[in-house]
Amino acid sequence: MSLEEDFNSAAERATQLPKRPPNDIMLQLYALYKQANEGDVTGDRPGFANFEGRAKFDSWNKLQGKSGEDAKQEYISLVEKLEQEVVE
């Protein structure tokens, strides 16, 4: 499979994990997905009262400069790791 097909498969499998990952891992998945599909974060950082939006923005912003291909590969690896943790 191509990187794109692997990535799309991993994105689908990520929504079907039997156990919801902790918030820090969810933010990592979100940030890698956004970086892979949209590139570097744009726009203003959400306001202080928007905790979720701010956390997502900050997580994505940490990946500034990472290529879409690298983000896709890291996303795939993280989903595979999460799937393995369920099996073990």
PDB file of N, CA and C in Angstrom:
ATOM      1  N   MET A   1       0.839  -1.202   0.000  1.00  0.00           N
ATOM      2  CA  MET A   1       0.000   0.000   0.000  1.00  0.00           C
ATOM      3  C   MET A   1       0.874   1.252   0.000  1.00  0.00           C
ATOM      4  N   SER A   2       0.327   2.300  -0.547  1.00  0.00           N
ATOM      5  CA  SER A   2       1.033   3.581  -0.552  1.00  0.00           C
ATOM      6  C   SER A   2       0.927   4.234   0.826  1.00  0.00           C
ATOM      7  N   LEU A   3       1.758   5.230   1.046  1.00  0.00           N
ATOM      8  CA  LEU A   3       1.711   5.967   2.309  1.00  0.00           C
ATOM      9  C   LEU A   3       0.322   6.555   2.529  1.00  0.00           C
ATOM     10  N   GLU A   4      -0.271   7.092   1.477  1.00  0.00           N
ATOM     11  CA  GLU A   4      -1.606   7.691   1.581  1.00  0.00           C
ATOM     12  C   GLU A   4      -2.646   6.648   1.987  1.00  0.00           C
ATOM     13  N   GLU A   5      -2.580   5.473   1.380  1.00  0.00           N
ATOM     14  CA  GLU A   5      -3.524   4.395   1.723  1.00  0.00           C
ATOM     15  C   GLU A   5      -3.316   3.914   3.154  1.00  0.00           C
ATOM     16  N   ASP A   6      -2.043   3.763   3.555  1.00  0.00           N
ATOM     17  CA  ASP A   6      -1.732   3.368   4.931  1.00  0.00           C
ATOM     18  C   ASP A   6      -2.263   4.395   5.925  1.00  0.00           C
ATOM     19  N   PHE A   7      -2.079   5.674   5.586  1.00  0.00           N
ATOM     20  CA  PHE A   7      -2.532   6.758   6.454  1.00  0.00           C
ATOM     21  C   PHE A   7      -4.053   6.745   6.587  1.00  0.00           C
ATOM     22  N   ASN A   8      -4.748   6.625   5.464  1.00  0.00           N
ATOM     23  CA  ASN A   8      -6.215   6.599   5.500  1.00  0.00           C
ATOM     24  C   ASN A   8      -6.726   5.397   6.279  1.00  0.00           C
ATOM     25  N   SER A   9      -6.063   4.264   6.135  1.00  0.00           N
ATOM     26  CA  SER A   9      -6.434   3.065   6.880  1.00  0.00           C
ATOM     27  C   SER A   9      -6.221   3.289   8.383  1.00  0.00           C
ATOM     28  N   ALA A  10      -5.079   3.886   8.735  1.00  0.00           N
ATOM     29  CA  ALA A  10      -4.785   4.160  10.145  1.00  0.00           C
ATOM     30  C   ALA A  10      -5.796   5.145  10.733  1.00  0.00           C
ATOM     31  N   ALA A  11      -6.180   6.147   9.939  1.00  0.00           N
ATOM     32  CA  ALA A  11      -7.161   7.132  10.417  1.00  0.00           C
ATOM     33  C   ALA A  11      -8.496   6.456  10.688  1.00  0.00           C
ATOM     34  N   GLU A  12      -8.881   5.525   9.845  1.00  0.00           N
ATOM     35  CA  GLU A  12     -10.129   4.778  10.047  1.00  0.00           C
ATOM     36  C   GLU A  12     -10.024   3.891  11.287  1.00  0.00           C
ATOM     37  N   ARG A  13      -8.914   3.193  11.428  1.00  0.00           N
ATOM     38  CA  ARG A  13      -8.720   2.293  12.581  1.00  0.00           C
ATOM     39  C   ARG A  13      -8.652   3.070  13.896  1.00  0.00           C
ATOM     40  N   ALA A  14      -8.132   4.293  13.844  1.00  0.00           N
ATOM     41  CA  ALA A  14      -8.016   5.113  15.060  1.00  0.00           C
ATOM     42  C   ALA A  14      -9.381   5.407  15.660  1.00  0.00           C
ATOM     43  N   THR A  15     -10.403   5.478  14.822  1.00  0.00           N
ATOM     44  CA  THR A  15     -11.750   5.751  15.326  1.00  0.00           C
ATOM     45  C   THR A  15     -12.409   4.498  15.893  1.00  0.00           C
ATOM     46  N   GLN A  16     -11.770   3.346  15.701  1.00  0.00           N
ATOM     47  CA  GLN A  16     -12.374   2.081  16.128  1.00  0.00           C
ATOM     48  C   GLN A  16     -11.579   1.387  17.232  1.00  0.00           C
ATOM     49  N   LEU A  17     -10.674   2.103  17.862  1.00  0.00           N
ATOM     50  CA  LEU A  17      -9.910   1.503  18.964  1.00  0.00           C
ATOM     51  C   LEU A  17     -10.877   1.113  20.079  1.00  0.00           C
ATOM     52  N   PRO A  18     -10.703  -0.079  20.647  1.00  0.00           N
ATOM     53  CA  PRO A  18     -11.636  -0.520  21.687  1.00  0.00           C
ATOM     54  C   PRO A  18     -11.559   0.317  22.965  1.00  0.00           C
ATOM     55  N   LYS A  19     -10.413   0.935  23.207  1.00  0.00           N
ATOM     56  CA  LYS A  19     -10.242   1.746  24.409  1.00  0.00           C
ATOM     57  C   LYS A  19      -9.779   3.134  23.993  1.00  0.00           C
ATOM     58  N   ARG A  20     -10.427   4.168  24.520  1.00  0.00           N
ATOM     59  CA  ARG A  20     -10.049   5.546  24.183  1.00  0.00           C
ATOM     60  C   ARG A  20      -8.695   5.860  24.805  1.00  0.00           C
ATOM     61  N   PRO A  21      -7.739   6.322  23.977  1.00  0.00           N
ATOM     62  CA  PRO A  21      -6.422   6.694  24.513  1.00  0.00           C
ATOM     63  C   PRO A  21      -6.525   7.897  25.450  1.00  0.00           C
ATOM     64  N   PRO A  22      -5.517   8.084  26.304  1.00  0.00           N
ATOM     65  CA  PRO A  22      -5.506   9.263  27.189  1.00  0.00           C
ATOM     66  C   PRO A  22      -5.489  10.557  26.370  1.00  0.00           C
ATOM     67  N   ASN A  23      -5.865  11.649  26.998  1.00  0.00           N
ATOM     68  CA  ASN A  23      -5.981  12.937  26.305  1.00  0.00           C
ATOM     69  C   ASN A  23      -4.696  13.365  25.608  1.00  0.00           C
ATOM     70  N   ASP A  24      -3.533  13.130  26.229  1.00  0.00           N
ATOM     71  CA  ASP A  24      -2.284  13.559  25.589  1.00  0.00           C
ATOM     72  C   ASP A  24      -2.044  12.806  24.282  1.00  0.00           C
ATOM     73  N   ILE A  25      -2.436  11.538  24.232  1.00  0.00           N
ATOM     74  CA  ILE A  25      -2.290  10.751  23.004  1.00  0.00           C
ATOM     75  C   ILE A  25      -3.331  11.206  21.979  1.00  0.00           C
ATOM     76  N   MET A  26      -4.537  11.513  22.436  1.00  0.00           N
ATOM     77  CA  MET A  26      -5.571  12.019  21.522  1.00  0.00           C
ATOM     78  C   MET A  26      -5.114  13.329  20.876  1.00  0.00           C
ATOM     79  N   LEU A  27      -4.487  14.200  21.655  1.00  0.00           N
ATOM     80  CA  LEU A  27      -3.974  15.460  21.117  1.00  0.00           C
ATOM     81  C   LEU A  27      -2.858  15.200  20.102  1.00  0.00           C
ATOM     82  N   GLN A  28      -2.026  14.211  20.388  1.00  0.00           N
ATOM     83  CA  GLN A  28      -0.951  13.860  19.466  1.00  0.00           C
ATOM     84  C   GLN A  28      -1.527  13.341  18.145  1.00  0.00           C
ATOM     85  N   LEU A  29      -2.523  12.473  18.230  1.00  0.00           N
ATOM     86  CA  LEU A  29      -3.182  11.977  17.022  1.00  0.00           C
ATOM     87  C   LEU A  29      -3.792  13.129  16.232  1.00  0.00           C
ATOM     88  N   TYR A  30      -4.482  14.008  16.922  1.00  0.00           N
ATOM     89  CA  TYR A  30      -5.111  15.172  16.282  1.00  0.00           C
ATOM     90  C   TYR A  30      -4.059  16.014  15.554  1.00  0.00           C
ATOM     91  N   ALA A  31      -2.987  16.340  16.267  1.00  0.00           N
ATOM     92  CA  ALA A  31      -1.964  17.217  15.707  1.00  0.00           C
ATOM     93  C   ALA A  31      -1.289  16.581  14.494  1.00  0.00           C
ATOM     94  N   LEU A  32      -0.961  15.301  14.587  1.00  0.00           N
ATOM     95  CA  LEU A  32      -0.327  14.619  13.450  1.00  0.00           C
ATOM     96  C   LEU A  32      -1.272  14.561  12.256  1.00  0.00           C
ATOM     97  N   TYR A  33      -2.544  14.310  12.515  1.00  0.00           N
ATOM     98  CA  TYR A  33      -3.528  14.254  11.433  1.00  0.00           C
ATOM     99  C   TYR A  33      -3.636  15.613  10.736  1.00  0.00           C
ATOM    100  N   LYS A  34      -3.746  16.668  11.529  1.00  0.00           N
ATOM    101  CA  LYS A  34      -3.874  18.008  10.958  1.00  0.00           C
ATOM    102  C   LYS A  34      -2.601  18.402  10.197  1.00  0.00           C
ATOM    103  N   GLN A  35      -1.440  18.089  10.759  1.00  0.00           N
ATOM    104  CA  GLN A  35      -0.175  18.430  10.099  1.00  0.00           C
ATOM    105  C   GLN A  35      -0.053  17.675   8.779  1.00  0.00           C
ATOM    106  N   ALA A  36      -0.466  16.415   8.783  1.00  0.00           N
ATOM    107  CA  ALA A  36      -0.394  15.591   7.573  1.00  0.00           C
ATOM    108  C   ALA A  36      -1.310  16.128   6.474  1.00  0.00           C
ATOM    109  N   ASN A  37      -2.481  16.609   6.851  1.00  0.00           N
ATOM    110  CA  ASN A  37      -3.477  17.042   5.871  1.00  0.00           C
ATOM    111  C   ASN A  37      -3.439  18.519   5.532  1.00  0.00           C
ATOM    112  N   GLU A  38      -3.024  19.352   6.478  1.00  0.00           N
ATOM    113  CA  GLU A  38      -3.103  20.799   6.260  1.00  0.00           C
ATOM    114  C   GLU A  38      -1.772  21.524   6.366  1.00  0.00           C
ATOM    115  N   GLY A  39      -0.747  20.859   6.872  1.00  0.00           N
ATOM    116  CA  GLY A  39       0.538  21.530   7.070  1.00  0.00           C
ATOM    117  C   GLY A  39       0.550  22.314   8.370  1.00  0.00           C
ATOM    118  N   ASP A  40       1.412  23.305   8.429  1.00  0.00           N
ATOM    119  CA  ASP A  40       1.581  24.078   9.663  1.00  0.00           C
ATOM    120  C   ASP A  40       0.289  24.774  10.077  1.00  0.00           C
ATOM    121  N   VAL A  41       0.116  24.892  11.392  1.00  0.00           N
ATOM    122  CA  VAL A  41      -1.066  25.535  11.957  1.00  0.00           C
ATOM    123  C   VAL A  41      -1.143  26.988  11.482  1.00  0.00           C
ATOM    124  N   THR A  42      -2.366  27.450  11.261  1.00  0.00           N
ATOM    125  CA  THR A  42      -2.584  28.840  10.863  1.00  0.00           C
ATOM    126  C   THR A  42      -3.637  29.442  11.785  1.00  0.00           C
ATOM    127  N   GLY A  43      -3.778  30.727  11.722  1.00  0.00           N
ATOM    128  CA  GLY A  43      -4.787  31.398  12.534  1.00  0.00           C
ATOM    129  C   GLY A  43      -4.264  31.749  13.907  1.00  0.00           C
ATOM    130  N   ASP A  44      -5.131  32.357  14.681  1.00  0.00           N
ATOM    131  CA  ASP A  44      -4.781  32.794  16.024  1.00  0.00           C
ATOM    132  C   ASP A  44      -5.035  31.697  17.031  1.00  0.00           C
ATOM    133  N   ARG A  45      -4.243  31.709  18.089  1.00  0.00           N
ATOM    134  CA  ARG A  45      -4.426  30.771  19.185  1.00  0.00           C
ATOM    135  C   ARG A  45      -5.750  31.088  19.872  1.00  0.00           C
ATOM    136  N   PRO A  46      -6.581  30.062  20.134  1.00  0.00           N
ATOM    137  CA  PRO A  46      -7.866  30.307  20.808  1.00  0.00           C
ATOM    138  C   PRO A  46      -7.683  30.983  22.163  1.00  0.00           C
ATOM    139  N   GLY A  47      -8.708  31.670  22.589  1.00  0.00           N
ATOM    140  CA  GLY A  47      -8.676  32.405  23.848  1.00  0.00           C
ATOM    141  C   GLY A  47      -8.538  31.510  25.068  1.00  0.00           C
ATOM    142  N   PHE A  48      -8.236  32.139  26.175  1.00  0.00           N
ATOM    143  CA  PHE A  48      -7.968  31.448  27.441  1.00  0.00           C
ATOM    144  C   PHE A  48      -9.124  30.550  27.873  1.00  0.00           C
ATOM    145  N   ALA A  49     -10.345  30.960  27.626  1.00  0.00           N
ATOM    146  CA  ALA A  49     -11.506  30.195  28.081  1.00  0.00           C
ATOM    147  C   ALA A  49     -11.781  28.953  27.219  1.00  0.00           C
ATOM    148  N   ASN A  50     -11.185  28.887  26.047  1.00  0.00           N
ATOM    149  CA  ASN A  50     -11.392  27.750  25.147  1.00  0.00           C
ATOM    150  C   ASN A  50     -10.275  26.730  25.377  1.00  0.00           C
ATOM    151  N   PHE A  51     -10.406  25.953  26.459  1.00  0.00           N
ATOM    152  CA  PHE A  51      -9.345  25.028  26.861  1.00  0.00           C
ATOM    153  C   PHE A  51      -9.047  23.981  25.794  1.00  0.00           C
ATOM    154  N   GLU A  52     -10.093  23.380  25.246  1.00  0.00           N
ATOM    155  CA  GLU A  52      -9.907  22.320  24.257  1.00  0.00           C
ATOM    156  C   GLU A  52      -9.265  22.866  22.977  1.00  0.00           C
ATOM    157  N   GLY A  53      -9.796  23.968  22.483  1.00  0.00           N
ATOM    158  CA  GLY A  53      -9.247  24.575  21.272  1.00  0.00           C
ATOM    159  C   GLY A  53      -7.802  24.998  21.449  1.00  0.00           C
ATOM    160  N   ARG A  54      -7.504  25.526  22.614  1.00  0.00           N
ATOM    161  CA  ARG A  54      -6.141  25.968  22.924  1.00  0.00           C
ATOM    162  C   ARG A  54      -5.184  24.783  22.986  1.00  0.00           C
ATOM    163  N   ALA A  55      -5.607  23.694  23.606  1.00  0.00           N
ATOM    164  CA  ALA A  55      -4.769  22.490  23.703  1.00  0.00           C
ATOM    165  C   ALA A  55      -4.507  21.901  22.319  1.00  0.00           C
ATOM    166  N   LYS A  56      -5.538  21.871  21.477  1.00  0.00           N
ATOM    167  CA  LYS A  56      -5.382  21.362  20.118  1.00  0.00           C
ATOM    168  C   LYS A  56      -4.423  22.248  19.324  1.00  0.00           C
ATOM    169  N   PHE A  57      -4.613  23.555  19.425  1.00  0.00           N
ATOM    170  CA  PHE A  57      -3.750  24.497  18.709  1.00  0.00           C
ATOM    171  C   PHE A  57      -2.299  24.312  19.131  1.00  0.00           C
ATOM    172  N   ASP A  58      -2.061  24.254  20.447  1.00  0.00           N
ATOM    173  CA  ASP A  58      -0.691  24.129  20.966  1.00  0.00           C
ATOM    174  C   ASP A  58      -0.047  22.822  20.525  1.00  0.00           C
ATOM    175  N   SER A  59      -0.809  21.741  20.560  1.00  0.00           N
ATOM    176  CA  SER A  59      -0.288  20.443  20.153  1.00  0.00           C
ATOM    177  C   SER A  59       0.096  20.454  18.676  1.00  0.00           C
ATOM    178  N   TRP A  60      -0.766  21.007  17.852  1.00  0.00           N
ATOM    179  CA  TRP A  60      -0.497  21.090  16.412  1.00  0.00           C
ATOM    180  C   TRP A  60       0.677  22.034  16.150  1.00  0.00           C
ATOM    181  N   ASN A  61       0.736  23.132  16.861  1.00  0.00           N
ATOM    182  CA  ASN A  61       1.785  24.133  16.659  1.00  0.00           C
ATOM    183  C   ASN A  61       3.180  23.558  16.942  1.00  0.00           C
ATOM    184  N   LYS A  62       3.272  22.572  17.833  1.00  0.00           N
ATOM    185  CA  LYS A  62       4.561  21.941  18.154  1.00  0.00           C
ATOM    186  C   LYS A  62       5.147  21.210  16.944  1.00  0.00           C
ATOM    187  N   LEU A  63       4.313  20.891  15.960  1.00  0.00           N
ATOM    188  CA  LEU A  63       4.766  20.150  14.783  1.00  0.00           C
ATOM    189  C   LEU A  63       5.168  21.078  13.633  1.00  0.00           C
ATOM    190  N   GLN A  64       5.246  22.366  13.903  1.00  0.00           N
ATOM    191  CA  GLN A  64       5.603  23.369  12.889  1.00  0.00           C
ATOM    192  C   GLN A  64       6.829  22.912  12.098  1.00  0.00           C
ATOM    193  N   GLY A  65       6.711  22.894  10.773  1.00  0.00           N
ATOM    194  CA  GLY A  65       7.832  22.547   9.919  1.00  0.00           C
ATOM    195  C   GLY A  65       7.937  21.068   9.568  1.00  0.00           C
ATOM    196  N   LYS A  66       7.190  20.210  10.248  1.00  0.00           N
ATOM    197  CA  LYS A  66       7.227  18.774   9.955  1.00  0.00           C
ATOM    198  C   LYS A  66       6.528  18.523   8.628  1.00  0.00           C
ATOM    199  N   SER A  67       7.137  17.712   7.780  1.00  0.00           N
ATOM    200  CA  SER A  67       6.539  17.437   6.473  1.00  0.00           C
ATOM    201  C   SER A  67       5.278  16.593   6.629  1.00  0.00           C
ATOM    202  N   GLY A  68       4.395  16.709   5.649  1.00  0.00           N
ATOM    203  CA  GLY A  68       3.177  15.901   5.646  1.00  0.00           C
ATOM    204  C   GLY A  68       3.482  14.412   5.648  1.00  0.00           C
ATOM    205  N   GLU A  69       4.508  14.013   4.896  1.00  0.00           N
ATOM    206  CA  GLU A  69       4.881  12.598   4.833  1.00  0.00           C
ATOM    207  C   GLU A  69       5.355  12.096   6.192  1.00  0.00           C
ATOM    208  N   ASP A  70       6.190  12.886   6.868  1.00  0.00           N
ATOM    209  CA  ASP A  70       6.666  12.486   8.204  1.00  0.00           C
ATOM    210  C   ASP A  70       5.505  12.403   9.189  1.00  0.00           C
ATOM    211  N   ALA A  71       4.596  13.372   9.118  1.00  0.00           N
ATOM    212  CA  ALA A  71       3.438  13.369  10.015  1.00  0.00           C
ATOM    213  C   ALA A  71       2.576  12.130   9.764  1.00  0.00           C
ATOM    214  N   LYS A  72       2.379  11.778   8.500  1.00  0.00           N
ATOM    215  CA  LYS A  72       1.591  10.587   8.172  1.00  0.00           C
ATOM    216  C   LYS A  72       2.245   9.333   8.718  1.00  0.00           C
ATOM    217  N   GLN A  73       3.560   9.222   8.551  1.00  0.00           N
ATOM    218  CA  GLN A  73       4.272   8.038   9.031  1.00  0.00           C
ATOM    219  C   GLN A  73       4.189   7.938  10.551  1.00  0.00           C
ATOM    220  N   GLU A  74       4.357   9.052  11.240  1.00  0.00           N
ATOM    221  CA  GLU A  74       4.263   9.049  12.710  1.00  0.00           C
ATOM    222  C   GLU A  74       2.843   8.696  13.157  1.00  0.00           C
ATOM    223  N   TYR A  75       1.860   9.193  12.447  1.00  0.00           N
ATOM    224  CA  TYR A  75       0.460   8.894  12.769  1.00  0.00           C
ATOM    225  C   TYR A  75       0.212   7.393  12.643  1.00  0.00           C
ATOM    226  N   ILE A  76       0.652   6.810  11.530  1.00  0.00           N
ATOM    227  CA  ILE A  76       0.483   5.373  11.292  1.00  0.00           C
ATOM    228  C   ILE A  76       1.155   4.579  12.409  1.00  0.00           C
ATOM    229  N   SER A  77       2.384   4.949  12.758  1.00  0.00           N
ATOM    230  CA  SER A  77       3.125   4.246  13.809  1.00  0.00           C
ATOM    231  C   SER A  77       2.417   4.344  15.155  1.00  0.00           C
ATOM    232  N   LEU A  78       1.885   5.517  15.460  1.00  0.00           N
ATOM    233  CA  LEU A  78       1.194   5.707  16.736  1.00  0.00           C
ATOM    234  C   LEU A  78      -0.077   4.862  16.798  1.00  0.00           C
ATOM    235  N   VAL A  79      -0.846   4.820  15.719  1.00  0.00           N
ATOM    236  CA  VAL A  79      -2.061   3.995  15.695  1.00  0.00           C
ATOM    237  C   VAL A  79      -1.696   2.524  15.854  1.00  0.00           C
ATOM    238  N   GLU A  80      -0.651   2.078  15.167  1.00  0.00           N
ATOM    239  CA  GLU A  80      -0.223   0.683  15.284  1.00  0.00           C
ATOM    240  C   GLU A  80       0.204   0.367  16.719  1.00  0.00           C
ATOM    241  N   LYS A  81       0.907   1.309  17.355  1.00  0.00           N
ATOM    242  CA  LYS A  81       1.318   1.122  18.752  1.00  0.00           C
ATOM    243  C   LYS A  81       0.095   1.006  19.668  1.00  0.00           C
ATOM    244  N   LEU A  82      -0.899   1.863  19.454  1.00  0.00           N
ATOM    245  CA  LEU A  82      -2.119   1.819  20.261  1.00  0.00           C
ATOM    246  C   LEU A  82      -2.858   0.496  20.061  1.00  0.00           C
ATOM    247  N   GLU A  83      -2.877   0.011  18.826  1.00  0.00           N
ATOM    248  CA  GLU A  83      -3.529  -1.283  18.542  1.00  0.00           C
ATOM    249  C   GLU A  83      -2.788  -2.420  19.246  1.00  0.00           C
ATOM    250  N   GLN A  84      -1.473  -2.351  19.287  1.00  0.00           N
ATOM    251  CA  GLN A  84      -0.678  -3.385  19.946  1.00  0.00           C
ATOM    252  C   GLN A  84      -0.911  -3.387  21.455  1.00  0.00           C
ATOM    253  N   GLU A  85      -1.081  -2.213  22.037  1.00  0.00           N
ATOM    254  CA  GLU A  85      -1.315  -2.113  23.482  1.00  0.00           C
ATOM    255  C   GLU A  85      -2.623  -2.793  23.860  1.00  0.00           C
ATOM    256  N   VAL A  86      -3.599  -2.751  22.975  1.00  0.00           N
ATOM    257  CA  VAL A  86      -4.888  -3.394  23.227  1.00  0.00           C
ATOM    258  C   VAL A  86      -4.741  -4.900  23.212  1.00  0.00           C
ATOM    259  N   VAL A  87      -3.900  -5.406  22.297  1.00  0.00           N
ATOM    260  CA  VAL A  87      -3.699  -6.839  22.143  1.00  0.00           C
ATOM    261  C   VAL A  87      -2.963  -7.423  23.327  1.00  0.00           C
ATOM    262  N   GLU A  88      -1.973  -6.694  23.827  1.00  0.00           N
ATOM    263  CA  GLU A  88      -1.137  -7.201  24.918  1.00  0.00           C
ATOM    264  C   GLU A  88      -1.853  -7.236  26.241  1.00  0.00           C
TER     265      GLU A  88
END
